């Protein structure tokens, strides 16, 4: 193996006119790393060398720049063409791929996109998504490997293709699949595929023990609406860890990002009111992406969960007093709209009331109701008390929120049928 592979590869993929001067040989430590036979095993059955380990194909975004901060001309496609024409398949190709794409200053170049696996290779190759699909989350989605190393979905997808199918390392990397938006292969209560800690725990939504829900879920299509509905209505009660929804559709944050704090409870004391669960509620009918009810979700509950750039609700409530804001998580008791035309009995947060007023705009978004909501919810921003002090006991909510009723109203039929 040529010890000057680093210099040679860089000189091939970077035009001489824009290339910074290179040392006569790479540092000894880097050479040792590149030549280490235990770093990554060559891909078995590799027919050609290219950007992607399997199939020798280009990445999904070959026109992107490989290293934008340091090189404004070399694209991901240039690297692919160089690997394709300059290295034979096997160990030398694997080392060149590793040096060119995994040893960059910022790690795997996520801007290049994912490496898709050819359909005829899925059954014999380790791939991040066991179904062979391309992850639905962006390649730069951050991850943490089992050893604590920071990574991304793009990098884990790339690394998996070097591993033998069903090997321990392959299975370890595939455990990251739910966090990158891979389609599941079976309908699991917990979307990340982990087992629940207490199967005997009772699900009030499903009206059966969580263990029985697991058995019943086996009959559902893992990518179907019934499976997603089942997961959404019981994952909180059955103690599942949060993973972002993989299904396309309405997202709680309008820019498609993950909610800032999935564990934050919109209704203090109610474990079924976390922002993480609400991000799943948003994926259910009738909250279709781009629809009025999706926008209402994003402008009220999305805003309450701290999402950036939340859209304006269709029922607009302006806080006119200087220094005041609409406090979406402020608790309101027994709120009446228009002389009891519409009554929010019990405790509700301002976001919940505004959500209902937005989706029922023609019925209850009246001037008087807006003024009443302004009086209840417009206030100076909350300043946390100094350490050691408390701001009083939080309300414990026992009634289901309006959003859960709307999103899950028809879902119980799935379980009744069982």
Foldseek 3Di string as FASTA:
>chain_A
DDQQLLVVLVPQQADPVQDDDDPPGDDPVVSCQLPDCPNFFFQPPAQFAFLARAPLDQAPAFQDCQDVVRGDPGTSVSSRVCLRPPDGGGSVSVSSNCSSAAPDPVGGRLVSHADQHPPVCLVWFQFLQNVRDGFQARQQDWDAAPVRRIDGNRRLRRRRRRDGPPDPSSVSSNLCRLQRLHQDPFQALASSPDDFPDQQQAQPLQRHGNVVLRVLRRPDDSPDQLSLLSSLRCVQRRPHDFHQHSDDWQFLQLVPDDQPDQQDALAPQDSSRGNRSLRSLCRFPPNGHPDLLSLLSNQQVVVQSPHPPRDAFQLHADQDDPQKDFNSSDKDAFDAFPVNLDTPHGIDGLSLVSSVCRVPVVRGSDPVRSVSSSVRGIDHDDDADPPPDDPDDGDHDDDDGPSCCVSNVPSNVSSVVD
